[in-house]
Amino acid sequence: MPVTTPRPRRQPAGGTPLPPLGHLPLTERPLHRLARLLTGLALYGFSLSLLVRSALGVNPWSVLHEGLQHHSSLSFGTISAVVGVLVLPAWVPLRQRPTLGTAANVVVLALSSDLGLSVVPEGLGLPARGCLLAAGVLLNGFAVAVYVGARFGPGPRDGLMTGLAATTGRSLRVVRTALEVTVLAAGWLLGGTVGVGTVLYALLVGPITQFFLPRFTYRRPGVTADPR
């Protein structure tokens, strides 16, 4: 009987397999991981301000935040925080539990996006706005890898997505698409900005995040059964 060599397992599309991303307790290297979490969230919020100032289209949740801002006196960041808090009750039937990362997501994103909007001018020419769009998408994907890689748990919107996927048995891709199409439509009807930037974000932020995740994810030293 001929001896067959087992085929190697395929890597996910895009090359490098994703590292473990499961939630870890605060007591494990807290200062190191907190620095990553806060830096990533601050950069993420700032990236949102770049996308807004580009006026060429923002990500789906930001379309909703922009749309709500047209009907409120609240700032973009404050509306982002309010929406994040309002999403949390939906976690209860999904058996999701907020973590430190969830709370930090709400607060730091609100502060950093408003700070970015206060320092990045609006009404720039098209070449400058194109640069803001490109920088915003690249920085956003990088920032997601940094704060997710700190492994403090999901933000309100990500927790809603993962909870729905686990409860319904649908794939994360299907659930995420359904959620983002819903909030995009609602935000557009409210007056949020939808444009080429929205499309570029949808196409590029995933690959950018996947490229940086293996390089910035915290790995537990000497642990073989790391939570996914």
Protein backbone atom coordinates (compact mmCIF):
# COMPACT_ATOMS: atom_id res chain seq x y z
CA MET A 1 0.00 0.00 0.00
CA PRO A 2 1.56 3.33 -1.03
CA VAL A 3 2.44 5.83 1.67
CA THR A 4 0.73 9.16 1.22
CA THR A 5 1.97 12.43 2.63
CA PRO A 6 -0.75 14.50 4.31
CA ARG A 7 -1.47 17.78 2.59
CA PRO A 8 -0.57 20.89 4.52
CA ARG A 9 -3.45 22.91 5.84
CA ARG A 10 -4.37 25.87 3.71
CA GLN A 11 -3.83 29.32 5.05
CA PRO A 12 -6.68 31.78 4.93
CA ALA A 13 -7.01 33.92 1.82
CA GLY A 14 -4.53 36.74 2.08
CA GLY A 15 -1.56 34.63 3.22
CA THR A 16 -0.70 34.94 6.90
CA PRO A 17 -3.05 33.08 9.28
CA LEU A 18 -4.71 35.22 11.92
CA PRO A 19 -3.29 35.00 15.46
CA PRO A 20 -5.46 34.18 18.53
CA LEU A 21 -7.71 37.17 19.31
CA GLY A 22 -9.72 35.92 22.30
CA HIS A 23 -10.32 38.18 25.30
CA LEU A 24 -7.63 38.03 28.00
CA PRO A 25 -7.91 39.20 31.64
CA LEU A 26 -6.73 42.67 32.62
CA THR A 27 -4.17 41.18 35.00
CA GLU A 28 -2.06 39.84 32.13
CA ARG A 29 0.57 42.46 31.26
CA PRO A 30 -1.91 45.30 31.87
CA LEU A 31 0.32 48.31 31.13
CA HIS A 32 1.66 46.87 27.90
CA ARG A 33 -1.76 45.90 26.59
CA LEU A 34 -3.54 49.02 27.83
CA ALA A 35 -1.04 51.17 25.96
CA ARG A 36 -1.87 49.25 22.78
CA LEU A 37 -5.60 49.48 23.39
CA LEU A 38 -5.66 53.23 24.02
CA THR A 39 -3.23 54.00 21.18
CA GLY A 40 -5.24 51.92 18.72
CA LEU A 41 -8.55 53.46 19.74
CA ALA A 42 -7.14 57.00 19.59
CA LEU A 43 -5.77 56.39 16.10
CA TYR A 44 -9.06 54.81 15.03
CA GLY A 45 -11.03 57.85 16.18
CA PHE A 46 -8.58 60.18 14.43
CA SER A 47 -8.87 58.14 11.23
CA LEU A 48 -12.62 58.69 11.30
CA SER A 49 -12.06 62.44 11.43
CA LEU A 50 -9.83 62.20 8.33
CA LEU A 51 -12.59 60.33 6.46
CA VAL A 52 -15.19 62.88 7.51
CA ARG A 53 -13.03 65.84 6.43
CA SER A 54 -12.34 64.18 3.06
CA ALA A 55 -16.07 64.62 2.30
CA LEU A 56 -15.74 61.69 -0.12
CA GLY A 57 -17.63 59.12 1.92
CA VAL A 58 -17.16 57.48 5.31
CA ASN A 59 -17.64 53.99 6.74
CA PRO A 60 -21.23 52.76 7.31
CA TRP A 61 -21.46 53.51 11.05
CA SER A 62 -19.97 56.97 10.49
CA VAL A 63 -22.60 57.59 7.79
CA LEU A 64 -25.19 56.98 10.50
CA HIS A 65 -23.36 59.25 12.96
CA GLU A 66 -23.10 62.01 10.35
CA GLY A 67 -26.78 61.64 9.49
CA LEU A 68 -27.81 61.89 13.14
CA GLN A 69 -25.54 64.92 13.56
CA HIS A 70 -27.61 66.78 10.96
CA HIS A 71 -30.62 66.41 13.26
CA SER A 72 -28.89 67.15 16.56
CA SER A 73 -26.70 69.75 18.24
CA LEU A 74 -24.36 67.01 19.47
CA SER A 75 -20.85 66.55 18.09
CA PHE A 76 -19.87 63.65 15.84
CA GLY A 77 -17.91 62.01 18.66
CA THR A 78 -20.70 62.41 21.19
CA ILE A 79 -23.20 60.83 18.79
CA SER A 80 -20.75 57.97 18.25
CA ALA A 81 -20.62 57.40 22.02
CA VAL A 82 -24.41 57.62 22.39
CA VAL A 83 -24.96 55.09 19.60
CA GLY A 84 -22.38 52.80 21.20
CA VAL A 85 -24.18 52.94 24.54
CA LEU A 86 -27.57 52.38 22.91
CA VAL A 87 -26.25 49.25 21.20
CA LEU A 88 -25.25 47.64 24.50
CA PRO A 89 -28.75 46.57 25.66
CA ALA A 90 -28.95 44.41 22.52
CA TRP A 91 -26.03 42.43 23.97
CA VAL A 92 -28.17 41.04 26.81
CA PRO A 93 -30.23 38.49 24.80
CA LEU A 94 -27.07 37.66 22.82
CA ARG A 95 -25.23 36.73 26.06
CA GLN A 96 -22.44 39.17 25.41
CA ARG A 97 -20.60 40.79 28.33
CA PRO A 98 -19.05 44.26 28.18
CA THR A 99 -15.36 44.48 29.02
CA LEU A 100 -12.85 47.23 29.65
CA GLY A 101 -12.27 47.30 25.91
CA THR A 102 -15.97 47.96 25.33
CA ALA A 103 -16.02 50.98 27.65
CA ALA A 104 -12.75 52.33 26.28
CA ASN A 105 -14.10 51.99 22.75
CA VAL A 106 -17.05 54.25 23.56
CA VAL A 107 -15.07 56.94 25.37
CA VAL A 108 -11.77 57.11 23.47
CA LEU A 109 -13.35 57.02 20.01
CA ALA A 110 -15.64 59.91 20.91
CA LEU A 111 -12.81 62.06 22.27
CA SER A 112 -10.26 61.32 19.54
CA SER A 113 -12.67 61.76 16.63
CA ASP A 114 -13.86 65.12 17.95
CA LEU A 115 -10.26 66.18 18.56
CA GLY A 116 -9.37 65.22 15.00
CA LEU A 117 -12.31 67.17 13.60
CA SER A 118 -11.17 70.23 15.56
CA VAL A 119 -7.65 70.20 14.07
CA VAL A 120 -8.21 68.91 10.52
CA PRO A 121 -9.66 71.73 8.37
CA GLU A 122 -12.71 71.27 6.17
CA GLY A 123 -13.38 72.64 2.70
CA LEU A 124 -10.03 71.56 1.24
CA GLY A 125 -9.41 71.00 -2.47
CA LEU A 126 -9.98 67.65 -4.11
CA PRO A 127 -6.29 66.52 -4.12
CA ALA A 128 -5.98 67.21 -0.39
CA ARG A 129 -9.28 65.48 0.31
CA GLY A 130 -8.12 62.46 -1.69
CA CYS A 131 -5.01 62.31 0.51
CA LEU A 132 -7.18 62.51 3.63
CA LEU A 133 -9.30 59.65 2.33
CA ALA A 134 -6.29 57.44 1.59
CA ALA A 135 -4.66 58.25 4.93
CA GLY A 136 -7.92 57.67 6.78
CA VAL A 137 -8.51 54.22 5.29
CA LEU A 138 -4.90 53.11 5.86
CA LEU A 139 -4.79 54.46 9.42
CA ASN A 140 -8.18 52.94 10.20
CA GLY A 141 -7.10 49.43 9.19
CA PHE A 142 -3.84 49.80 11.14
CA ALA A 143 -5.65 51.12 14.22
CA VAL A 144 -8.13 48.22 14.22
CA ALA A 145 -5.22 45.76 14.26
CA VAL A 146 -3.58 47.58 17.18
CA TYR A 147 -6.63 47.84 19.46
CA VAL A 148 -8.12 44.46 18.57
CA GLY A 149 -4.66 42.94 19.02
CA ALA A 150 -4.58 44.20 22.62
CA ARG A 151 -7.29 41.57 23.30
CA PHE A 152 -9.50 43.48 25.73
CA GLY A 153 -12.77 42.45 24.11
CA PRO A 154 -14.96 43.96 21.38
CA GLY A 155 -16.47 47.40 21.11
CA PRO A 156 -20.27 47.79 21.17
CA ARG A 157 -20.76 47.40 17.42
CA ASP A 158 -18.35 44.49 17.03
CA GLY A 159 -19.91 42.73 20.01
CA LEU A 160 -23.34 43.08 18.42
CA MET A 161 -21.97 41.52 15.23
CA THR A 162 -20.24 38.58 16.92
CA GLY A 163 -23.21 37.98 19.24
CA LEU A 164 -25.67 37.88 16.35
CA ALA A 165 -23.42 35.53 14.43
CA ALA A 166 -23.14 33.15 17.39
CA THR A 167 -26.87 33.25 18.13
CA THR A 168 -28.15 32.90 14.57
CA GLY A 169 -25.47 30.52 13.31
CA ARG A 170 -24.79 32.83 10.36
CA SER A 171 -21.27 33.68 9.27
CA LEU A 172 -19.62 36.86 10.49
CA ARG A 173 -19.44 38.05 6.88
CA VAL A 174 -23.21 37.72 6.40
CA VAL A 175 -24.06 39.33 9.75
CA ARG A 176 -21.59 42.19 9.28
CA THR A 177 -22.87 42.88 5.77
CA ALA A 178 -26.50 42.92 6.94
CA LEU A 179 -25.72 45.26 9.85
CA GLU A 180 -23.62 47.65 7.80
CA VAL A 181 -26.09 47.82 4.92
CA THR A 182 -28.82 48.63 7.47
CA VAL A 183 -26.92 51.42 9.23
CA LEU A 184 -25.61 52.73 5.90
CA ALA A 185 -29.13 53.05 4.52
CA ALA A 186 -30.39 54.69 7.71
CA GLY A 187 -27.49 57.13 7.78
CA TRP A 188 -27.89 58.01 4.10
CA LEU A 189 -31.60 58.72 4.58
CA LEU A 190 -30.65 61.01 7.48
CA GLY A 191 -28.15 62.91 5.32
CA GLY A 192 -24.86 61.12 6.00
CA THR A 193 -22.09 61.18 3.38
CA VAL A 194 -21.95 58.16 1.06
CA GLY A 195 -19.38 58.18 -1.75
CA VAL A 196 -16.29 56.65 -3.21
CA GLY A 197 -14.71 56.63 0.24
CA THR A 198 -17.45 54.35 1.51
CA VAL A 199 -16.71 51.85 -1.25
CA LEU A 200 -12.92 52.06 -0.80
CA TYR A 201 -13.31 51.55 2.94
CA ALA A 202 -15.43 48.45 2.42
CA LEU A 203 -12.89 46.99 -0.04
CA LEU A 204 -9.61 47.88 1.65
CA VAL A 205 -9.94 48.08 5.43
CA GLY A 206 -10.28 44.32 5.86
CA PRO A 207 -7.09 43.42 3.96
CA ILE A 208 -5.18 46.24 5.68
CA THR A 209 -6.29 45.02 9.10
CA GLN A 210 -5.41 41.42 8.27
CA PHE A 211 -1.95 42.51 7.15
CA PHE A 212 -1.21 44.29 10.44
CA LEU A 213 -2.95 41.92 12.91
CA PRO A 214 -0.21 39.27 13.06
CA ARG A 215 2.35 42.02 13.66
CA PHE A 216 0.51 43.80 16.49
CA THR A 217 -1.49 41.12 18.30
CA TYR A 218 -0.44 40.30 21.85
CA ARG A 219 0.58 36.66 22.20
CA ARG A 220 0.70 34.90 25.55
CA PRO A 221 4.24 33.66 26.19
CA GLY A 222 4.51 29.92 26.79
CA VAL A 223 0.77 29.23 26.40
CA THR A 224 -0.22 26.58 23.86
CA ALA A 225 -4.04 26.69 24.22
CA ASP A 226 -4.58 30.39 23.60
CA PRO A 227 -8.27 31.40 23.25
CA ARG A 228 -9.29 32.22 19.71
